[in-house]
Amino acid sequence: MTRFLIDSDLAIYSMGGAADSRLNQRLVECAPGDVAISAISFAEVALGTWNGKPPKQSVLDAFVRVIPIIEFDEVAARSYAKLPFKRARFDRLLAAHALSIGAVVVTNNEADFADVPGLAVENWTV
């Protein structure tokens, strides 16, 4: 069962960061399947890759072989509809997805999620 959804910012950091980073150490400590990336966050990272930003396609492909992509489904969409409106739609979609599956959002941008009722957030870089 997925316990944590990693956001796009930390996914990119993990793919480009040093193997000895706190984030990557924490990822290694997790059991397979504990951490996933939402299809929403994956789309955000893939868009950047498509537009020439890091990570390279091969690195992104390797990442999702280890960190599975979780589909954004109807339950997640209904959770999104209940959230307070905010312009950062990727963050809101990720928050809704995490709420719908009972997962914690792993991010370096805790403030972006601070106003989402009931959402658990952790920063694995500190």
Protein backbone atom coordinates (compact mmCIF):
# COMPACT_ATOMS: atom_id res chain seq x y z
CA MET A 1 0.00 0.00 0.00
CA THR A 2 1.30 3.44 -0.89
CA ARG A 3 1.99 5.49 2.21
CA PHE A 4 3.78 8.42 0.59
CA LEU A 5 3.35 10.41 -2.64
CA ILE A 6 6.48 12.29 -3.67
CA ASP A 7 5.86 15.65 -5.33
CA SER A 8 7.50 16.78 -8.55
CA ASP A 9 10.03 19.05 -6.86
CA LEU A 10 11.45 16.29 -4.69
CA ALA A 11 11.24 13.73 -7.47
CA ILE A 12 13.45 15.98 -9.61
CA TYR A 13 15.77 16.59 -6.66
CA SER A 14 16.03 12.85 -6.06
CA MET A 15 16.85 12.15 -9.70
CA GLY A 16 19.53 14.84 -9.83
CA GLY A 17 20.72 14.80 -6.25
CA ALA A 18 23.60 13.02 -4.64
CA ALA A 19 23.02 9.42 -3.61
CA ASP A 20 23.88 10.40 -0.04
CA SER A 21 21.21 13.11 0.20
CA ARG A 22 18.77 12.84 3.11
CA LEU A 23 15.93 12.40 0.65
CA ASN A 24 17.55 9.51 -1.17
CA GLN A 25 18.59 7.88 2.11
CA ARG A 26 14.98 8.03 3.27
CA LEU A 27 13.73 6.62 -0.04
CA VAL A 28 16.14 3.68 0.27
CA GLU A 29 14.83 2.98 3.78
CA CYS A 30 11.24 2.58 2.51
CA ALA A 31 9.82 -0.78 1.56
CA PRO A 32 8.94 -1.32 -2.11
CA GLY A 33 5.56 0.25 -2.83
CA ASP A 34 5.62 2.57 0.21
CA VAL A 35 6.51 5.54 -2.00
CA ALA A 36 4.89 6.36 -5.32
CA ILE A 37 4.53 9.32 -7.64
CA SER A 38 1.09 10.53 -8.63
CA ALA A 39 0.34 10.55 -12.35
CA ILE A 40 -0.17 14.30 -11.77
CA SER A 41 3.37 14.85 -10.48
CA PHE A 42 4.77 12.53 -13.13
CA ALA A 43 3.06 14.63 -15.81
CA GLU A 44 4.61 17.78 -14.36
CA VAL A 45 8.11 16.24 -14.40
CA ALA A 46 7.62 14.71 -17.85
CA LEU A 47 6.53 18.10 -19.21
CA GLY A 48 9.77 19.62 -17.98
CA THR A 49 11.78 16.76 -19.48
CA TRP A 50 9.97 17.19 -22.80
CA ASN A 51 10.88 20.90 -22.72
CA GLY A 52 14.58 20.19 -22.14
CA LYS A 53 14.72 20.58 -18.36
CA PRO A 54 16.19 18.00 -15.98
CA PRO A 55 15.91 15.12 -15.59
CA LYS A 56 16.87 13.41 -18.83
CA GLN A 57 14.30 10.98 -20.20
CA SER A 58 16.49 7.97 -19.35
CA VAL A 59 16.76 9.13 -15.73
CA LEU A 60 13.00 9.66 -15.49
CA ASP A 61 12.39 6.19 -16.96
CA ALA A 62 14.76 4.63 -14.40
CA PHE A 63 13.05 6.54 -11.56
CA VAL A 64 9.58 5.20 -12.38
CA ARG A 65 10.92 1.67 -12.59
CA VAL A 66 11.62 2.00 -8.85
CA ILE A 67 8.97 4.52 -7.77
CA PRO A 68 5.63 3.46 -9.26
CA ILE A 69 3.18 5.86 -10.87
CA ILE A 70 -0.26 5.89 -9.21
CA GLU A 71 -3.20 6.71 -11.46
CA PHE A 72 -5.34 9.74 -10.69
CA ASP A 73 -8.80 8.20 -10.53
CA GLU A 74 -12.41 9.19 -9.92
CA VAL A 75 -12.02 9.17 -6.12
CA ALA A 76 -9.06 11.55 -6.43
CA ALA A 77 -11.02 13.77 -8.83
CA ARG A 78 -13.90 13.99 -6.38
CA SER A 79 -11.46 14.88 -3.57
CA TYR A 80 -10.05 17.65 -5.77
CA ALA A 81 -13.51 19.12 -6.29
CA LYS A 82 -13.88 19.57 -2.51
CA LEU A 83 -10.63 21.48 -1.94
CA PRO A 84 -10.46 25.26 -1.53
CA PHE A 85 -9.54 26.89 -4.85
CA LYS A 86 -5.93 27.90 -5.39
CA ARG A 87 -4.00 28.70 -8.55
CA ALA A 88 -1.31 26.04 -8.11
CA ARG A 89 -3.43 23.33 -9.67
CA PHE A 90 -0.73 20.63 -9.81
CA ASP A 91 -0.30 20.96 -6.04
CA ARG A 92 -4.05 20.83 -5.48
CA LEU A 93 -4.40 17.75 -7.67
CA LEU A 94 -1.55 16.05 -5.80
CA ALA A 95 -3.11 16.96 -2.46
CA ALA A 96 -6.46 15.53 -3.55
CA HIS A 97 -4.78 12.37 -4.77
CA ALA A 98 -2.97 11.90 -1.45
CA LEU A 99 -6.17 12.50 0.51
CA SER A 100 -8.08 10.01 -1.65
CA ILE A 101 -5.62 7.18 -0.90
CA GLY A 102 -4.69 8.21 2.65
CA ALA A 103 -1.07 9.03 1.76
CA VAL A 104 1.38 11.63 3.02
CA VAL A 105 2.70 14.20 0.54
CA VAL A 106 6.50 14.32 0.57
CA THR A 107 7.60 17.81 -0.49
CA ASN A 108 10.11 20.56 0.08
CA ASN A 109 7.30 23.09 -0.36
CA GLU A 110 5.20 22.50 2.74
CA ALA A 111 3.69 25.99 2.54
CA ASP A 112 2.05 25.09 -0.79
CA PHE A 113 -0.04 22.47 1.02
CA ALA A 114 -0.54 24.16 4.40
CA ASP A 115 -4.14 25.20 3.74
CA VAL A 116 -5.40 21.74 2.68
CA PRO A 117 -7.54 20.38 5.51
CA GLY A 118 -6.58 16.92 6.71
CA LEU A 119 -3.52 16.55 4.47
CA ALA A 120 -0.37 15.08 6.02
CA VAL A 121 2.87 16.58 4.67
CA GLU A 122 6.52 15.67 5.32
CA ASN A 123 9.81 17.16 4.13
CA TRP A 124 12.50 14.51 3.78
CA THR A 125 15.27 16.97 2.94
CA VAL A 126 15.64 18.36 6.47
